[in-house]
Amino acid sequence: MTLTLQRPEKKNALTGGMYDAMSNALKQAEADPSVRVILFQGDGDSFTAGNDLADFASQARGESAVDSPAHRFIDTISKAGKPIVAAVQGNAVGVGTTMLLHCDLVYLAETARLITPFVNLALVPEAASSWLLPLRIGHARAYAMFALGEPMDAQGAQASGLANAVVPQADLRKKAHDAAIALTKRPAGSLSMTKALMREQQRIAAQIAEEGVLFKQRLTTPEAREAFA
């Protein structure tokens, strides 16, 4: 199943509707035995600019009573049992980077930049990234990405273990698609068990829950409202 972010005029900034579509597709993929692998990609020059700030601002003003579609997507992708492949070009901001911690194979174009500017927006990290990112790249680099909003370029991401390969933009989709096809030829049961063994699911779920409470609190602070404005 290929999921393509298609809002290139807004750098694929994610709306509630887009999060819901991704969550529903992931659930459908899990339930459908004919789907062996999920592939994420984005149209245009950016993978995604992250959460649409208009949605954040609306939540900050208390206009959204329903549980955040973004949180539902994070919860869903973190529990996915099937392999997930990502093809990333240009900017991958916020959840565009943290979702990659829940993907199993990640391919980057040379233009890719991973950016987690949560502190700049007066928020906190999400998707268990406050635990998973330092675990993967070390405390110092993860803190600089979170607190200073320092981007990580494609070569740095590959060197620090966040990506499998860096390829020219023109080759990105083929590289990711070929990897996804290769996974469809592996025993599905073995793949799902291997993924489960490699992920501390209870720890991830607990971290997502803890981050979620703090994230929601931060959304309504004067600091956050000022940042969104």
Protein backbone atom coordinates (compact mmCIF):
# COMPACT_ATOMS: atom_id res chain seq x y z
CA MET A 1 0.00 0.00 0.00
CA THR A 2 1.47 3.34 -1.08
CA LEU A 3 0.45 6.46 0.88
CA THR A 4 1.36 9.72 -0.88
CA LEU A 5 1.17 13.14 0.78
CA GLN A 6 -0.37 15.35 -1.90
CA ARG A 7 -0.49 18.98 -0.79
CA PRO A 8 2.68 20.23 -2.49
CA GLU A 9 1.52 23.86 -2.67
CA LYS A 10 1.67 23.87 1.17
CA LYS A 11 4.82 21.69 1.37
CA ASN A 12 2.51 18.80 2.37
CA ALA A 13 1.67 20.45 5.71
CA LEU A 14 -0.57 17.94 7.47
CA THR A 15 -4.24 18.73 8.18
CA GLY A 16 -6.56 16.75 10.43
CA GLY A 17 -8.11 15.18 7.35
CA MET A 18 -4.71 14.02 6.08
CA TYR A 19 -3.84 12.49 9.46
CA ASP A 20 -7.19 10.68 9.52
CA ALA A 21 -6.66 9.36 5.98
CA MET A 22 -3.23 8.00 6.96
CA SER A 23 -4.52 6.45 10.20
CA ASN A 24 -7.44 4.79 8.41
CA ALA A 25 -5.16 3.49 5.65
CA LEU A 26 -2.71 2.02 8.20
CA LYS A 27 -5.57 0.24 9.99
CA GLN A 28 -6.89 -1.04 6.67
CA ALA A 29 -3.41 -2.30 5.75
CA GLU A 30 -3.06 -4.14 9.06
CA ALA A 31 -6.42 -5.88 8.52
CA ASP A 32 -5.84 -6.79 4.86
CA PRO A 33 -3.66 -9.90 4.38
CA SER A 34 -3.03 -8.91 0.74
CA VAL A 35 -1.10 -5.83 1.98
CA ARG A 36 2.39 -6.91 2.97
CA VAL A 37 4.19 -3.53 3.20
CA ILE A 38 3.28 0.16 3.59
CA LEU A 39 5.23 2.83 1.66
CA PHE A 40 5.09 6.54 2.56
CA GLN A 41 6.11 9.25 0.08
CA GLY A 42 5.34 12.91 -0.56
CA ASP A 43 4.75 14.92 -3.74
CA GLY A 44 6.66 18.12 -4.51
CA ASP A 45 9.93 19.33 -3.04
CA SER A 46 9.19 18.51 0.62
CA PHE A 47 8.20 15.27 2.34
CA THR A 48 6.10 17.29 4.79
CA ALA A 49 6.30 20.64 6.54
CA GLY A 50 4.75 18.91 9.59
CA ASN A 51 1.52 19.82 11.32
CA ASP A 52 -0.40 22.67 9.69
CA LEU A 53 0.14 25.59 12.11
CA ALA A 54 -3.45 26.74 11.59
CA ASP A 55 -4.58 23.48 13.23
CA PHE A 56 -2.16 24.02 16.14
CA ALA A 57 -3.42 27.59 16.56
CA SER A 58 -7.03 26.39 16.56
CA GLN A 59 -6.23 23.82 19.28
CA ALA A 60 -4.36 26.49 21.25
CA ARG A 61 -7.52 28.63 21.23
CA GLY A 62 -9.48 25.64 22.54
CA GLU A 63 -11.59 25.36 19.38
CA SER A 64 -10.92 21.65 18.88
CA ALA A 65 -12.63 19.42 21.45
CA VAL A 66 -12.00 16.09 19.70
CA ASP A 67 -8.85 14.09 20.33
CA SER A 68 -6.13 15.28 17.98
CA PRO A 69 -6.00 13.45 14.61
CA ALA A 70 -2.21 13.85 14.83
CA HIS A 71 -2.13 11.93 18.12
CA ARG A 72 -4.32 9.21 16.61
CA PHE A 73 -1.91 8.87 13.66
CA ILE A 74 1.11 8.67 16.00
CA ASP A 75 -0.63 6.01 18.06
CA THR A 76 -1.56 4.04 14.93
CA ILE A 77 1.84 4.12 13.21
CA SER A 78 3.61 3.24 16.47
CA LYS A 79 1.53 0.05 16.73
CA ALA A 80 1.76 -1.01 13.08
CA GLY A 81 2.87 -4.62 12.78
CA LYS A 82 3.69 -4.64 9.07
CA PRO A 83 6.90 -3.22 7.61
CA ILE A 84 6.84 0.49 6.75
CA VAL A 85 9.14 2.04 4.15
CA ALA A 86 9.59 5.82 3.71
CA ALA A 87 10.90 7.86 0.78
CA VAL A 88 11.86 11.34 1.99
CA GLN A 89 12.94 14.40 0.00
CA GLY A 90 13.36 18.01 1.09
CA ASN A 91 12.14 19.06 4.51
CA ALA A 92 10.68 16.52 6.94
CA VAL A 93 9.49 18.72 9.80
CA GLY A 94 8.14 17.67 13.21
CA VAL A 95 6.05 14.54 12.78
CA GLY A 96 7.66 14.23 9.32
CA THR A 97 10.84 13.28 11.17
CA THR A 98 9.41 11.56 14.25
CA MET A 99 7.25 9.19 12.16
CA LEU A 100 10.47 7.91 10.58
CA LEU A 101 11.40 6.44 13.98
CA HIS A 102 8.43 4.09 13.43
CA CYS A 103 9.43 3.18 9.86
CA ASP A 104 11.57 0.13 9.21
CA LEU A 105 13.41 1.23 6.06
CA VAL A 106 14.06 4.93 5.33
CA TYR A 107 15.47 6.27 2.07
CA LEU A 108 16.47 9.92 1.71
CA ALA A 109 17.05 12.12 -1.30
CA GLU A 110 20.20 14.24 -1.13
CA THR A 111 17.93 17.24 -0.47
CA ALA A 112 16.40 15.74 2.70
CA ARG A 113 16.57 17.70 5.96
CA LEU A 114 15.16 16.29 9.21
CA ILE A 115 13.86 19.06 11.48
CA THR A 116 12.20 18.77 14.92
CA PRO A 117 11.46 22.37 15.99
CA PHE A 118 9.16 21.49 18.91
CA VAL A 119 10.83 23.85 21.38
CA ASN A 120 10.75 26.72 18.84
CA LEU A 121 6.96 26.25 18.83
CA ALA A 122 6.89 26.15 22.66
CA LEU A 123 5.87 22.47 22.51
CA VAL A 124 7.53 19.17 23.47
CA PRO A 125 8.57 16.23 21.27
CA GLU A 126 5.98 13.59 20.33
CA ALA A 127 5.73 10.05 18.84
CA ALA A 128 8.04 8.73 21.61
CA SER A 129 10.83 10.70 19.90
CA SER A 130 12.02 12.09 23.25
CA TRP A 131 13.13 8.51 24.00
CA LEU A 132 13.66 6.99 20.52
CA LEU A 133 15.73 9.79 18.96
CA PRO A 134 18.44 9.97 21.69
CA LEU A 135 18.43 6.17 21.74
CA ARG A 136 19.25 6.21 18.02
CA ILE A 137 21.59 9.19 17.64
CA GLY A 138 22.75 10.03 21.18
CA HIS A 139 21.59 12.64 23.70
CA ALA A 140 23.72 15.55 22.48
CA ARG A 141 22.61 15.44 18.85
CA ALA A 142 18.98 14.75 19.74
CA TYR A 143 18.92 17.67 22.20
CA ALA A 144 20.33 20.04 19.57
CA MET A 145 17.62 18.92 17.12
CA PHE A 146 14.86 19.42 19.71
CA ALA A 147 16.03 22.46 21.65
CA LEU A 148 17.92 24.43 18.98
CA GLY A 149 15.85 23.18 16.06
CA GLU A 150 19.06 22.26 14.23
CA PRO A 151 18.28 20.42 10.97
CA MET A 152 20.03 17.16 10.20
CA ASP A 153 20.99 16.74 6.55
CA ALA A 154 20.65 13.52 4.60
CA GLN A 155 24.27 12.42 4.98
CA GLY A 156 24.18 13.09 8.72
CA ALA A 157 20.93 11.14 9.06
CA GLN A 158 22.40 8.13 7.29
CA ALA A 159 25.63 8.31 9.29
CA SER A 160 23.74 8.47 12.59
CA GLY A 161 21.48 5.51 11.79
CA LEU A 162 18.23 7.31 10.93
CA ALA A 163 18.25 6.23 7.27
CA ASN A 164 19.31 3.27 5.17
CA ALA A 165 20.60 5.15 2.13
CA VAL A 166 20.89 8.56 0.48
CA VAL A 167 20.16 8.65 -3.24
CA PRO A 168 19.72 11.31 -5.94
CA GLN A 169 16.20 12.79 -5.96
CA ALA A 170 15.48 11.20 -9.36
CA ASP A 171 16.16 7.71 -7.96
CA LEU A 172 14.37 8.08 -4.60
CA ARG A 173 10.97 6.57 -5.36
CA LYS A 174 12.41 3.64 -7.29
CA LYS A 175 14.86 2.86 -4.48
CA ALA A 176 12.10 2.86 -1.84
CA HIS A 177 9.67 0.97 -4.07
CA ASP A 178 12.26 -1.72 -4.87
CA ALA A 179 12.91 -2.19 -1.14
CA ALA A 180 9.16 -2.45 -0.46
CA ILE A 181 8.77 -5.05 -3.22
CA ALA A 182 11.71 -7.03 -1.78
CA LEU A 183 9.95 -7.11 1.60
CA THR A 184 6.74 -8.45 0.03
CA LYS A 185 8.74 -11.53 -0.98
CA ARG A 186 9.82 -12.28 2.61
CA PRO A 187 7.70 -14.45 4.98
CA ALA A 188 5.09 -12.07 6.45
CA GLY A 189 4.88 -13.81 9.82
CA SER A 190 8.63 -13.71 10.28
CA LEU A 191 8.74 -10.01 9.32
CA SER A 192 6.06 -9.02 11.84
CA MET A 193 7.67 -11.03 14.66
CA THR A 194 11.10 -9.56 13.89
CA LYS A 195 9.66 -6.03 13.97
CA ALA A 196 7.92 -6.75 17.29
CA LEU A 197 11.13 -8.12 18.82
CA MET A 198 13.05 -4.99 17.76
CA ARG A 199 10.55 -2.57 19.32
CA GLU A 200 9.80 -2.17 23.04
CA GLN A 201 6.11 -1.60 22.41
CA GLN A 202 5.04 -1.00 26.02
CA ARG A 203 7.85 1.50 26.58
CA ILE A 204 7.00 3.30 23.32
CA ALA A 205 3.29 3.48 24.23
CA ALA A 206 4.10 4.82 27.71
CA GLN A 207 6.39 7.51 26.28
CA ILE A 208 3.77 8.56 23.70
CA ALA A 209 1.18 8.87 26.48
CA GLU A 210 3.48 10.94 28.70
CA GLU A 211 4.47 13.23 25.83
CA GLY A 212 0.83 13.56 24.77
CA VAL A 213 -0.26 14.92 28.16
CA LEU A 214 2.53 17.52 28.19
CA PHE A 215 2.02 18.41 24.51
CA LYS A 216 -1.66 19.12 25.15
CA GLN A 217 -0.77 21.28 28.16
CA ARG A 218 1.82 23.22 26.17
CA LEU A 219 -0.61 23.91 23.31
CA THR A 220 -2.68 26.20 25.52
CA THR A 221 0.20 28.21 27.02
CA PRO A 222 0.79 31.89 26.18
CA GLU A 223 4.24 30.85 24.87
CA ALA A 224 2.65 28.50 22.33
CA ARG A 225 0.04 31.02 21.21
CA GLU A 226 2.80 33.57 20.65
CA ALA A 227 4.90 31.04 18.69
CA PHE A 228 1.99 30.11 16.40
CA ALA A 229 1.15 33.79 15.80
